[in-house]
């Protein structure tokens, strides 16, 4: 077998961003500038990195951007009041509250408070419900990025058997719904699945999002399968590793995403795409 094709998420993400930048220029001629507000509560180091990356993406693409950094001891009422203000602000088309929130603030209450049409993370129950029934909605960013990466390999999703390992609300569940929307037959595995390697080995497309470094080795993989690794784990030596043991799996798989440089760059790009879409809709341009 020839060596697996490496799916270059960074390159694909840059191609999509070029298209977004062109659309932003077109919109500016109609007096519309997509605006994204990010709310960051507390001092989680990883969250600060993500927020800086989002801010930079806005700047690079010509978006209007606001970042609201609140102290860790901010009350839930203060956070909800800020969300309410952003809901009403016409220059803001997308609102993102960076998770996790400090323990005394209910994530659900905050997500529920975001205006559905500005919920560019795709986490609001109405957007989730629309995703389930196949209606139009703002899609969660990482799962939308996963589908985009699979399509860019040239592999037809329709009719294929896709296996998703992990059932989180952020990746596993929505990605399984999006794969069904593309007419794949989907099996979901999780921590209680008893014969996971046998099931995974039947997959033409394997999406892994379990948060355990290098857990999925070649024994889980059907030769030639597309492998999408959503995992992002920090090893003791400080390096990043996915949930898939890249070195062994790439010897038998088809197209495979690396970590870093696979799914990661797509998440913020799809967030920008959602904000652009929200701006068009809220301005009555779509």
Protein backbone atom coordinates (compact mmCIF):
# COMPACT_ATOMS: atom_id res chain seq x y z
CA UNK A 1 0.00 0.00 0.00
CA UNK A 2 1.12 3.54 -0.68
CA UNK A 3 1.56 5.92 2.24
CA UNK A 4 -1.62 7.63 3.40
CA UNK A 5 -2.52 11.10 2.15
CA UNK A 6 -2.14 13.65 4.93
CA UNK A 7 -5.16 15.99 5.08
CA UNK A 8 -3.72 19.49 5.45
CA UNK A 9 -6.26 21.33 7.61
CA UNK A 10 -4.13 24.47 7.66
CA UNK A 11 -4.07 24.75 3.87
CA UNK A 12 -7.79 23.94 3.46
CA UNK A 13 -8.64 26.44 6.17
CA UNK A 14 -6.61 29.15 4.38
CA UNK A 15 -8.43 28.44 1.10
CA UNK A 16 -11.80 28.86 2.83
CA UNK A 17 -10.62 32.07 4.51
CA UNK A 18 -9.65 33.54 1.15
CA UNK A 19 -13.24 33.06 0.05
CA UNK A 20 -14.54 34.62 3.28
CA UNK A 21 -12.27 37.67 2.86
CA UNK A 22 -13.64 38.24 -0.66
CA UNK A 23 -17.22 38.05 0.62
CA UNK A 24 -16.39 40.53 3.41
CA UNK A 25 -15.16 42.98 0.74
CA UNK A 26 -18.40 42.52 -1.23
CA UNK A 27 -20.50 43.06 1.90
CA UNK A 28 -18.61 46.21 2.85
CA UNK A 29 -19.81 47.76 -0.42
CA UNK A 30 -23.35 47.21 0.91
CA UNK A 31 -22.44 48.85 4.22
CA UNK A 32 -22.21 45.63 6.22
CA UNK A 33 -19.18 44.51 8.23
CA UNK A 34 -19.50 41.14 10.00
CA UNK A 35 -19.06 41.61 13.75
CA UNK A 36 -18.07 38.96 16.32
CA UNK A 37 -18.14 39.44 20.09
CA UNK A 38 -16.25 37.00 22.29
CA UNK A 39 -16.95 36.81 26.02
CA UNK A 40 -14.18 35.36 28.19
CA UNK A 41 -14.77 34.85 31.91
CA UNK A 42 -11.82 34.04 34.16
CA UNK A 43 -8.24 33.14 33.37
CA UNK A 44 -8.15 29.65 31.85
CA UNK A 45 -4.84 29.74 29.90
CA UNK A 46 -6.08 27.62 26.96
CA UNK A 47 -9.17 29.83 26.64
CA UNK A 48 -6.99 32.95 26.45
CA UNK A 49 -5.01 31.39 23.58
CA UNK A 50 -8.21 30.46 21.70
CA UNK A 51 -9.64 33.95 22.15
CA UNK A 52 -6.44 35.60 20.86
CA UNK A 53 -6.59 33.33 17.79
CA UNK A 54 -10.23 34.31 17.17
CA UNK A 55 -9.35 37.99 17.55
CA UNK A 56 -6.52 37.62 15.04
CA UNK A 57 -8.78 35.78 12.55
CA UNK A 58 -11.32 38.64 12.76
CA UNK A 59 -8.59 41.19 12.15
CA UNK A 60 -7.11 39.25 9.21
CA UNK A 61 -10.50 38.86 7.50
CA UNK A 62 -11.71 42.42 8.01
CA UNK A 63 -14.37 41.59 10.61
CA UNK A 64 -15.38 43.93 13.41
CA UNK A 65 -14.33 42.32 16.68
CA UNK A 66 -15.01 42.86 20.37
CA UNK A 67 -13.50 40.82 23.21
CA UNK A 68 -15.06 41.17 26.65
CA UNK A 69 -12.71 39.83 29.31
CA UNK A 70 -14.49 39.45 32.65
CA UNK A 71 -12.89 38.51 36.00
CA UNK A 72 -13.38 34.94 37.27
CA UNK A 73 -15.59 36.13 40.13
CA UNK A 74 -18.13 37.82 37.81
CA UNK A 75 -21.67 36.81 38.70
CA UNK A 76 -23.96 34.89 36.37
CA UNK A 77 -26.21 37.97 36.28
CA UNK A 78 -23.32 40.12 35.01
CA UNK A 79 -22.54 37.63 32.23
CA UNK A 80 -26.23 37.39 31.24
CA UNK A 81 -26.55 41.18 31.23
CA UNK A 82 -23.57 41.43 28.84
CA UNK A 83 -25.05 38.75 26.54
CA UNK A 84 -28.37 40.64 26.53
CA UNK A 85 -26.58 43.86 25.56
CA UNK A 86 -24.73 42.10 22.71
CA UNK A 87 -28.00 40.52 21.50
CA UNK A 88 -29.34 44.04 20.97
CA UNK A 89 -26.16 45.51 19.45
CA UNK A 90 -26.57 45.89 15.69
CA UNK A 91 -22.81 45.90 14.94
CA UNK A 92 -22.54 42.38 16.42
CA UNK A 93 -23.75 39.45 14.30
CA UNK A 94 -22.11 36.62 16.23
CA UNK A 95 -21.73 36.04 19.98
CA UNK A 96 -19.40 33.43 21.39
CA UNK A 97 -19.04 32.73 25.10
CA UNK A 98 -15.74 30.90 25.59
CA UNK A 99 -16.18 27.62 27.52
CA UNK A 100 -15.47 26.38 30.13
CA UNK A 101 -17.04 28.98 32.42
CA UNK A 102 -16.17 29.24 36.13
CA UNK A 103 -18.06 26.67 38.22
CA UNK A 104 -20.57 29.10 39.75
CA UNK A 105 -21.94 30.10 36.32
CA UNK A 106 -24.36 27.72 34.57
CA UNK A 107 -23.20 27.15 31.00
CA UNK A 108 -26.71 26.20 29.90
CA UNK A 109 -28.22 29.45 31.20
CA UNK A 110 -25.64 31.50 29.31
CA UNK A 111 -25.92 29.55 26.04
CA UNK A 112 -29.74 29.70 26.21
CA UNK A 113 -29.53 33.51 26.60
CA UNK A 114 -27.67 34.05 23.28
CA UNK A 115 -29.97 35.14 20.43
CA UNK A 116 -30.44 32.08 18.18
CA UNK A 117 -29.52 34.04 15.04
CA UNK A 118 -26.23 35.19 16.69
CA UNK A 119 -25.30 31.78 18.11
CA UNK A 120 -22.25 31.24 15.89
CA UNK A 121 -21.05 28.31 18.05
CA UNK A 122 -24.21 26.39 17.12
CA UNK A 123 -24.83 25.37 20.75
CA UNK A 124 -28.25 27.00 21.37
CA UNK A 125 -31.00 24.35 21.85
CA UNK A 126 -32.94 25.79 18.88
CA UNK A 127 -29.92 25.47 16.57
CA UNK A 128 -29.24 21.97 17.93
CA UNK A 129 -32.89 21.04 17.37
CA UNK A 130 -32.80 22.38 13.81
CA UNK A 131 -29.67 20.30 13.19
CA UNK A 132 -31.46 17.17 14.46
CA UNK A 133 -34.52 17.62 12.21
CA UNK A 134 -32.45 18.73 9.22
CA UNK A 135 -33.62 22.35 9.15
CA UNK A 136 -31.38 25.24 8.30
CA UNK A 137 -29.26 26.38 11.27
CA UNK A 138 -25.87 27.72 12.31
CA UNK A 139 -23.79 24.54 12.57
CA UNK A 140 -21.35 23.78 15.40
CA UNK A 141 -17.88 24.77 14.15
CA UNK A 142 -15.71 21.71 14.76
CA UNK A 143 -18.23 19.18 13.35
CA UNK A 144 -18.81 21.41 10.29
CA UNK A 145 -15.04 21.56 9.83
CA UNK A 146 -14.82 17.75 10.02
CA UNK A 147 -17.38 17.36 7.20
CA UNK A 148 -15.53 19.94 5.10
CA UNK A 149 -12.23 18.04 5.54
CA UNK A 150 -13.82 14.72 4.50
CA UNK A 151 -15.37 16.34 1.40
CA UNK A 152 -12.03 17.89 0.41
CA UNK A 153 -10.45 14.40 0.25
CA UNK A 154 -12.75 13.69 -2.71
CA UNK A 155 -14.22 10.68 -0.89
CA UNK A 156 -17.99 10.38 -1.39
CA UNK A 157 -19.71 10.32 2.04
CA UNK A 158 -23.10 9.11 0.73
CA UNK A 159 -23.61 5.37 1.23
CA UNK A 160 -20.46 4.94 3.32
CA UNK A 161 -20.30 3.48 6.82
CA UNK A 162 -19.05 6.15 9.21
CA UNK A 163 -18.09 5.36 12.79
CA UNK A 164 -17.87 8.16 15.36
CA UNK A 165 -15.97 7.45 18.58
CA UNK A 166 -17.13 9.84 21.31
CA UNK A 167 -20.61 11.19 22.06
CA UNK A 168 -20.02 14.72 23.40
CA UNK A 169 -22.54 17.48 22.66
CA UNK A 170 -19.74 19.55 21.12
CA UNK A 171 -18.35 17.02 18.61
CA UNK A 172 -19.58 13.41 18.70
CA UNK A 173 -23.35 13.91 18.56
CA UNK A 174 -23.43 16.79 16.04
CA UNK A 175 -20.85 15.19 13.73
CA UNK A 176 -22.93 12.00 13.63
CA UNK A 177 -25.99 14.07 12.62
CA UNK A 178 -24.04 15.91 9.91
CA UNK A 179 -22.72 12.61 8.53
CA UNK A 180 -26.31 11.30 8.38
CA UNK A 181 -27.30 14.49 6.57
CA UNK A 182 -24.66 13.55 3.96
CA UNK A 183 -26.33 10.10 3.70
CA UNK A 184 -23.70 8.07 5.53
CA UNK A 185 -24.74 5.12 7.70
CA UNK A 186 -23.50 6.10 11.15
CA UNK A 187 -22.50 4.01 14.17
CA UNK A 188 -21.57 5.74 17.43
CA UNK A 189 -19.10 4.27 19.90
CA UNK A 190 -18.26 5.57 23.38
CA UNK A 191 -16.67 4.57 26.69
CA UNK A 192 -19.33 1.87 27.30
CA UNK A 193 -19.05 0.25 23.85
CA UNK A 194 -17.93 -3.34 24.40
CA UNK A 195 -16.43 -4.34 21.04
CA UNK A 196 -15.08 -1.01 19.81
CA UNK A 197 -12.13 -2.26 17.70
CA UNK A 198 -14.41 -4.62 15.72
CA UNK A 199 -16.96 -1.85 15.08
CA UNK A 200 -14.34 0.77 14.21
CA UNK A 201 -12.73 -1.65 11.77
CA UNK A 202 -15.93 -1.65 9.67
CA UNK A 203 -15.72 2.11 9.10
CA UNK A 204 -15.05 3.64 5.70
CA UNK A 205 -14.85 6.95 7.58
CA UNK A 206 -13.65 7.02 11.21
CA UNK A 207 -14.08 10.19 13.29
CA UNK A 208 -12.39 10.08 16.69
CA UNK A 209 -13.16 12.52 19.52
CA UNK A 210 -12.58 10.85 22.89
CA UNK A 211 -9.83 12.93 24.48
CA UNK A 212 -7.39 10.07 25.12
CA UNK A 213 -3.95 10.41 23.56
CA UNK A 214 -2.99 7.85 20.90
CA UNK A 215 -5.74 5.41 21.98
CA UNK A 216 -6.85 4.38 18.48
CA UNK A 217 -4.14 2.28 16.87
CA UNK A 218 -4.04 0.30 13.63
CA UNK A 219 -6.11 -2.54 15.16
CA UNK A 220 -9.17 -0.24 14.99
CA UNK A 221 -8.72 0.72 11.36
CA UNK A 222 -9.98 -0.76 8.10
CA UNK A 223 -7.29 -0.44 5.39
CA UNK A 224 -7.92 2.64 3.24
CA UNK A 225 -10.43 4.27 5.66
CA UNK A 226 -10.59 8.06 6.01
CA UNK A 227 -9.40 8.99 9.53
CA UNK A 228 -10.42 12.29 11.15
CA UNK A 229 -8.76 12.86 14.54
CA UNK A 230 -10.47 15.58 16.59
CA UNK A 231 -8.38 14.85 19.70
CA UNK A 232 -6.03 17.46 21.15
CA UNK A 233 -4.05 16.11 24.10
CA UNK A 234 -0.99 17.63 25.76
CA UNK A 235 1.62 14.92 26.48
CA UNK A 236 4.00 14.99 29.46
CA UNK A 237 6.81 16.16 27.16
CA UNK A 238 4.68 19.19 26.24
CA UNK A 239 3.91 18.00 22.71
CA UNK A 240 0.40 17.77 21.27
CA UNK A 241 -1.05 14.40 20.31
CA UNK A 242 -4.37 13.32 18.87
CA UNK A 243 -6.60 10.45 19.94
CA UNK A 244 -5.25 8.41 17.00
CA UNK A 245 -1.80 6.81 17.05
CA UNK A 246 -0.81 8.60 13.85
CA UNK A 247 2.44 6.69 13.22
CA UNK A 248 0.86 3.24 13.15
CA UNK A 249 -2.49 4.18 11.60
CA UNK A 250 -1.11 6.14 8.63
CA UNK A 251 0.62 2.95 7.45
CA UNK A 252 -2.74 1.35 6.59
CA UNK A 253 -5.31 4.15 6.41
CA UNK A 254 -6.53 6.29 3.55
CA UNK A 255 -6.53 10.10 3.99
CA UNK A 256 -5.75 11.06 7.62
CA UNK A 257 -5.61 14.28 9.62
CA UNK A 258 -2.48 15.09 11.62
CA UNK A 259 -2.47 16.69 15.10
CA UNK A 260 -1.73 19.55 15.15
CA UNK A 261 -2.63 20.92 11.70
CA UNK A 262 -5.72 18.86 10.90
CA UNK A 263 -9.09 19.66 12.45
CA UNK A 264 -7.77 22.45 14.71
CA UNK A 265 -7.37 25.23 12.10
CA UNK A 266 -10.83 24.45 10.71
CA UNK A 267 -12.71 25.28 13.91
CA UNK A 268 -12.00 29.02 13.91
CA UNK A 269 -12.44 29.17 10.12
CA UNK A 270 -15.94 27.67 10.40
CA UNK A 271 -16.67 30.16 13.21
CA UNK A 272 -15.77 32.97 10.81
CA UNK A 273 -17.96 31.37 8.14
CA UNK A 274 -20.88 31.24 10.60
CA UNK A 275 -20.37 34.89 11.58
CA UNK A 276 -20.36 35.90 7.90
CA UNK A 277 -23.57 33.91 7.33
CA UNK A 278 -25.22 35.45 10.42
CA UNK A 279 -24.22 38.95 9.22
CA UNK A 280 -25.80 38.31 5.81
CA UNK A 281 -29.00 36.97 7.33
CA UNK A 282 -29.35 39.71 9.94
CA UNK A 283 -28.79 42.31 7.21
CA UNK A 284 -31.38 40.69 4.93
CA UNK A 285 -28.77 39.99 2.24
CA UNK A 286 -29.05 36.19 2.03
